[in-house]
Amino acid sequence: MNADSDSRPAGDASFAQRLWALAYEAFRRGSEWASDRRYAREHAALLDECERTGQLEVLMELTGATREQLRATELSPLAALGLFQRMMQRLGIDPQQAADHPVELNEAQWRCRLCREWRDCRHWLDSGAPDERYRAFCGNAELFERIGAALGGTAQVPRG
């Protein structure tokens, strides 16, 4: 036997492992993509329902957004608010206490409404990972930390 035939089975196994990892990653990303599309469609349908029932004006008043702003974003303000609240909870920020900082809170809510990284946010929140990857995609990371500090603590991810 030569050296090539001895290394081939190990090389084939390594290739198969890489191929399997690639296929798994493609499946995972495809599944996340489909889930994100469904999530965005559900929330777009909520905006449509608000418009049909005449509640869109109420939503505009509550959010301070115009009809065009509501329609221009990929994610409805209701979904953005849900992610915003989940992020605060995940970082240990009490919404009742944070309400004492309306300027910072309003700024953070607007950033969430206009955020293009909502998919990363949603996946990170859903994962429950005890890490701080949110800092890489969350436009509010520093703001959440300031709010947490103003409340006498810090906005930190609980370690699992």
C-alpha atoms as a PDB file:
ATOM      1  CA  MET A   1       0.000   0.000   0.000  1.00  0.00           C
ATOM      2  CA  ASN A   2       1.173   3.477  -0.677  1.00  0.00           C
ATOM      3  CA  ALA A   3       0.772   6.592   1.452  1.00  0.00           C
ATOM      4  CA  ASP A   4      -2.114   7.920  -0.689  1.00  0.00           C
ATOM      5  CA  SER A   5      -4.304   4.893  -0.122  1.00  0.00           C
ATOM      6  CA  ASP A   6      -3.644   5.029   3.623  1.00  0.00           C
ATOM      7  CA  SER A   7      -4.758   8.647   3.881  1.00  0.00           C
ATOM      8  CA  ARG A   8      -7.752   8.431   1.545  1.00  0.00           C
ATOM      9  CA  PRO A   9     -10.265   6.962   4.062  1.00  0.00           C
ATOM     10  CA  ALA A  10      -9.391   9.682   6.580  1.00  0.00           C
ATOM     11  CA  GLY A  11      -9.687  12.302   3.840  1.00  0.00           C
ATOM     12  CA  ASP A  12     -13.024  10.859   2.705  1.00  0.00           C
ATOM     13  CA  ALA A  13     -14.316  10.951   6.274  1.00  0.00           C
ATOM     14  CA  SER A  14     -13.163  14.534   6.664  1.00  0.00           C
ATOM     15  CA  PHE A  15     -14.828  15.489   3.365  1.00  0.00           C
ATOM     16  CA  ALA A  16     -18.043  13.752   4.416  1.00  0.00           C
ATOM     17  CA  GLN A  17     -17.997  15.586   7.751  1.00  0.00           C
ATOM     18  CA  ARG A  18     -17.496  18.939   6.019  1.00  0.00           C
ATOM     19  CA  LEU A  19     -20.253  18.130   3.523  1.00  0.00           C
ATOM     20  CA  TRP A  20     -22.601  17.112   6.337  1.00  0.00           C
ATOM     21  CA  ALA A  21     -21.799  20.305   8.285  1.00  0.00           C
ATOM     22  CA  LEU A  22     -22.450  22.386   5.158  1.00  0.00           C
ATOM     23  CA  ALA A  23     -25.770  20.629   4.505  1.00  0.00           C
ATOM     24  CA  TYR A  24     -26.818  21.064   8.133  1.00  0.00           C
ATOM     25  CA  GLU A  25     -25.916  24.776   8.088  1.00  0.00           C
ATOM     26  CA  ALA A  26     -27.864  25.278   4.841  1.00  0.00           C
ATOM     27  CA  PHE A  27     -30.886  23.538   6.359  1.00  0.00           C
ATOM     28  CA  ARG A  28     -30.642  25.562   9.573  1.00  0.00           C
ATOM     29  CA  ARG A  29     -30.347  28.850   7.717  1.00  0.00           C
ATOM     30  CA  GLY A  30     -33.198  27.905   5.387  1.00  0.00           C
ATOM     31  CA  SER A  31     -35.351  27.036   8.357  1.00  0.00           C
ATOM     32  CA  GLU A  32     -34.499  30.338  10.064  1.00  0.00           C
ATOM     33  CA  TRP A  33     -35.217  32.229   6.849  1.00  0.00           C
ATOM     34  CA  ALA A  34     -38.641  30.593   6.512  1.00  0.00           C
ATOM     35  CA  SER A  35     -39.398  31.294  10.165  1.00  0.00           C
ATOM     36  CA  ASP A  36     -38.370  34.942   9.781  1.00  0.00           C
ATOM     37  CA  ARG A  37     -40.529  35.344   6.675  1.00  0.00           C
ATOM     38  CA  ARG A  38     -43.513  33.854   8.507  1.00  0.00           C
ATOM     39  CA  TYR A  39     -42.902  36.125  11.511  1.00  0.00           C
ATOM     40  CA  ALA A  40     -42.697  39.251   9.336  1.00  0.00           C
ATOM     41  CA  ARG A  41     -45.818  38.233   7.352  1.00  0.00           C
ATOM     42  CA  GLU A  42     -47.801  37.641  10.552  1.00  0.00           C
ATOM     43  CA  HIS A  43     -46.937  41.094  11.804  1.00  0.00           C
ATOM     44  CA  ALA A  44     -47.637  42.707   8.443  1.00  0.00           C
ATOM     45  CA  ALA A  45     -51.041  41.030   8.612  1.00  0.00           C
ATOM     46  CA  LEU A  46     -51.534  42.656  12.030  1.00  0.00           C
ATOM     47  CA  LEU A  47     -50.943  46.068  10.448  1.00  0.00           C
ATOM     48  CA  ASP A  48     -53.419  45.204   7.691  1.00  0.00           C
ATOM     49  CA  GLU A  49     -55.962  44.189  10.318  1.00  0.00           C
ATOM     50  CA  CYS A  50     -55.392  47.437  12.219  1.00  0.00           C
ATOM     51  CA  GLU A  51     -56.020  49.357   9.017  1.00  0.00           C
ATOM     52  CA  ARG A  52     -59.203  47.384   8.209  1.00  0.00           C
ATOM     53  CA  THR A  53     -60.617  47.909  11.691  1.00  0.00           C
ATOM     54  CA  GLY A  54     -59.682  51.580  11.915  1.00  0.00           C
ATOM     55  CA  GLN A  55     -57.142  50.960  14.666  1.00  0.00           C
ATOM     56  CA  LEU A  56     -54.137  52.038  12.614  1.00  0.00           C
ATOM     57  CA  GLU A  57     -54.616  55.641  13.742  1.00  0.00           C
ATOM     58  CA  VAL A  58     -54.482  54.465  17.355  1.00  0.00           C
ATOM     59  CA  LEU A  59     -51.281  52.572  16.607  1.00  0.00           C
ATOM     60  CA  MET A  60     -49.848  55.645  14.891  1.00  0.00           C
ATOM     61  CA  GLU A  61     -50.654  57.750  17.933  1.00  0.00           C
ATOM     62  CA  LEU A  62     -49.172  55.207  20.345  1.00  0.00           C
ATOM     63  CA  THR A  63     -45.980  54.744  18.356  1.00  0.00           C
ATOM     64  CA  GLY A  64     -45.575  58.291  17.111  1.00  0.00           C
ATOM     65  CA  ALA A  65     -45.081  56.910  13.620  1.00  0.00           C
ATOM     66  CA  THR A  66     -46.716  57.977  10.401  1.00  0.00           C
ATOM     67  CA  ARG A  67     -48.594  55.540   8.171  1.00  0.00           C
ATOM     68  CA  GLU A  68     -45.655  55.658   5.744  1.00  0.00           C
ATOM     69  CA  GLN A  69     -43.167  54.895   8.512  1.00  0.00           C
ATOM     70  CA  LEU A  70     -45.254  51.965   9.686  1.00  0.00           C
ATOM     71  CA  ARG A  71     -45.402  50.536   6.174  1.00  0.00           C
ATOM     72  CA  ALA A  72     -41.777  51.295   5.303  1.00  0.00           C
ATOM     73  CA  THR A  73     -40.262  49.010   7.902  1.00  0.00           C
ATOM     74  CA  GLU A  74     -40.043  45.285   7.338  1.00  0.00           C
ATOM     75  CA  LEU A  75     -41.206  44.491  10.837  1.00  0.00           C
ATOM     76  CA  SER A  76     -44.342  45.905  12.378  1.00  0.00           C
ATOM     77  CA  PRO A  77     -43.980  48.200  15.382  1.00  0.00           C
ATOM     78  CA  LEU A  78     -45.856  45.603  17.424  1.00  0.00           C
ATOM     79  CA  ALA A  79     -43.264  42.960  16.640  1.00  0.00           C
ATOM     80  CA  ALA A  80     -40.435  45.441  17.265  1.00  0.00           C
ATOM     81  CA  LEU A  81     -41.955  46.325  20.619  1.00  0.00           C
ATOM     82  CA  GLY A  82     -42.199  42.644  21.476  1.00  0.00           C
ATOM     83  CA  LEU A  83     -38.516  42.120  20.694  1.00  0.00           C
ATOM     84  CA  PHE A  84     -37.658  45.297  22.603  1.00  0.00           C
ATOM     85  CA  GLN A  85     -39.489  44.060  25.702  1.00  0.00           C
ATOM     86  CA  ARG A  86     -37.952  40.606  25.432  1.00  0.00           C
ATOM     87  CA  MET A  87     -34.471  42.158  25.163  1.00  0.00           C
ATOM     88  CA  MET A  88     -35.049  44.309  28.240  1.00  0.00           C
ATOM     89  CA  GLN A  89     -36.263  41.276  30.160  1.00  0.00           C
ATOM     90  CA  ARG A  90     -33.327  39.187  28.966  1.00  0.00           C
ATOM     91  CA  LEU A  91     -30.899  41.894  30.082  1.00  0.00           C
ATOM     92  CA  GLY A  92     -32.552  42.184  33.485  1.00  0.00           C
ATOM     93  CA  ILE A  93     -33.996  45.672  32.957  1.00  0.00           C
ATOM     94  CA  ASP A  94     -37.266  46.194  34.793  1.00  0.00           C
ATOM     95  CA  PRO A  95     -39.664  47.986  32.398  1.00  0.00           C
ATOM     96  CA  GLN A  96     -41.442  49.695  35.309  1.00  0.00           C
ATOM     97  CA  GLN A  97     -38.213  51.228  36.533  1.00  0.00           C
ATOM     98  CA  ALA A  98     -37.022  51.971  32.995  1.00  0.00           C
ATOM     99  CA  ALA A  99     -40.183  54.047  32.488  1.00  0.00           C
ATOM    100  CA  ASP A 100     -38.530  56.609  34.778  1.00  0.00           C
ATOM    101  CA  HIS A 101     -36.095  57.249  31.894  1.00  0.00           C
ATOM    102  CA  PRO A 102     -38.519  58.144  29.084  1.00  0.00           C
ATOM    103  CA  VAL A 103     -36.009  59.877  26.812  1.00  0.00           C
ATOM    104  CA  GLU A 104     -33.656  56.886  26.724  1.00  0.00           C
ATOM    105  CA  LEU A 105     -36.545  54.444  26.485  1.00  0.00           C
ATOM    106  CA  ASN A 106     -38.141  56.310  23.592  1.00  0.00           C
ATOM    107  CA  GLU A 107     -34.819  56.468  21.756  1.00  0.00           C
ATOM    108  CA  ALA A 108     -34.319  52.735  22.241  1.00  0.00           C
ATOM    109  CA  GLN A 109     -37.846  51.919  21.051  1.00  0.00           C
ATOM    110  CA  TRP A 110     -37.354  53.963  17.877  1.00  0.00           C
ATOM    111  CA  ARG A 111     -34.113  52.157  17.138  1.00  0.00           C
ATOM    112  CA  CYS A 112     -35.889  48.826  17.529  1.00  0.00           C
ATOM    113  CA  ARG A 113     -38.697  49.932  15.228  1.00  0.00           C
ATOM    114  CA  LEU A 114     -36.237  50.794  12.481  1.00  0.00           C
ATOM    115  CA  CYS A 115     -33.814  47.940  13.109  1.00  0.00           C
ATOM    116  CA  ARG A 116     -32.695  45.829  10.190  1.00  0.00           C
ATOM    117  CA  GLU A 117     -31.004  43.295  12.472  1.00  0.00           C
ATOM    118  CA  TRP A 118     -34.278  42.023  13.966  1.00  0.00           C
ATOM    119  CA  ARG A 119     -33.615  38.505  12.698  1.00  0.00           C
ATOM    120  CA  ASP A 120     -30.365  38.229  14.665  1.00  0.00           C
ATOM    121  CA  CYS A 121     -32.138  39.702  17.677  1.00  0.00           C
ATOM    122  CA  ARG A 122     -35.027  37.265  17.451  1.00  0.00           C
ATOM    123  CA  HIS A 123     -32.744  34.244  16.974  1.00  0.00           C
ATOM    124  CA  TRP A 124     -30.533  35.286  19.864  1.00  0.00           C
ATOM    125  CA  LEU A 125     -33.536  35.808  22.126  1.00  0.00           C
ATOM    126  CA  ASP A 126     -35.071  32.489  21.067  1.00  0.00           C
ATOM    127  CA  SER A 127     -31.791  30.636  21.619  1.00  0.00           C
ATOM    128  CA  GLY A 128     -31.563  31.596  25.288  1.00  0.00           C
ATOM    129  CA  ALA A 129     -27.781  31.566  24.875  1.00  0.00           C
ATOM    130  CA  PRO A 130     -25.977  32.868  27.971  1.00  0.00           C
ATOM    131  CA  ASP A 131     -23.634  35.018  25.933  1.00  0.00           C
ATOM    132  CA  GLU A 132     -23.320  38.626  24.949  1.00  0.00           C
ATOM    133  CA  ARG A 133     -23.470  38.256  21.146  1.00  0.00           C
ATOM    134  CA  TYR A 134     -26.298  40.804  21.139  1.00  0.00           C
ATOM    135  CA  ARG A 135     -23.658  43.541  21.362  1.00  0.00           C
ATOM    136  CA  ALA A 136     -22.598  42.732  17.801  1.00  0.00           C
ATOM    137  CA  PHE A 137     -26.027  43.347  16.276  1.00  0.00           C
ATOM    138  CA  CYS A 138     -28.079  45.384  18.748  1.00  0.00           C
ATOM    139  CA  GLY A 139     -28.063  49.100  18.009  1.00  0.00           C
ATOM    140  CA  ASN A 140     -29.346  49.592  21.546  1.00  0.00           C
ATOM    141  CA  ALA A 141     -26.639  47.636  23.377  1.00  0.00           C
ATOM    142  CA  GLU A 142     -24.945  50.744  24.807  1.00  0.00           C
ATOM    143  CA  LEU A 143     -28.280  52.397  25.523  1.00  0.00           C
ATOM    144  CA  PHE A 144     -29.507  49.317  27.396  1.00  0.00           C
ATOM    145  CA  GLU A 145     -26.298  49.377  29.414  1.00  0.00           C
ATOM    146  CA  ARG A 146     -26.824  53.062  30.255  1.00  0.00           C
ATOM    147  CA  ILE A 147     -30.422  52.427  31.296  1.00  0.00           C
ATOM    148  CA  GLY A 148     -29.280  49.462  33.388  1.00  0.00           C
ATOM    149  CA  ALA A 149     -26.587  51.590  35.031  1.00  0.00           C
ATOM    150  CA  ALA A 150     -29.069  54.422  35.679  1.00  0.00           C
ATOM    151  CA  LEU A 151     -31.306  51.913  37.432  1.00  0.00           C
ATOM    152  CA  GLY A 152     -28.485  51.005  39.774  1.00  0.00           C
ATOM    153  CA  GLY A 153     -27.406  47.820  38.058  1.00  0.00           C
ATOM    154  CA  THR A 154     -26.063  46.752  34.736  1.00  0.00           C
ATOM    155  CA  ALA A 155     -27.748  45.345  31.686  1.00  0.00           C
ATOM    156  CA  GLN A 156     -26.178  41.927  31.524  1.00  0.00           C
ATOM    157  CA  VAL A 157     -27.127  38.576  30.153  1.00  0.00           C
ATOM    158  CA  PRO A 158     -27.783  36.106  32.953  1.00  0.00           C
ATOM    159  CA  ARG A 159     -25.259  33.296  32.772  1.00  0.00           C
ATOM    160  CA  GLY A 160     -26.876  29.917  32.162  1.00  0.00           C
END
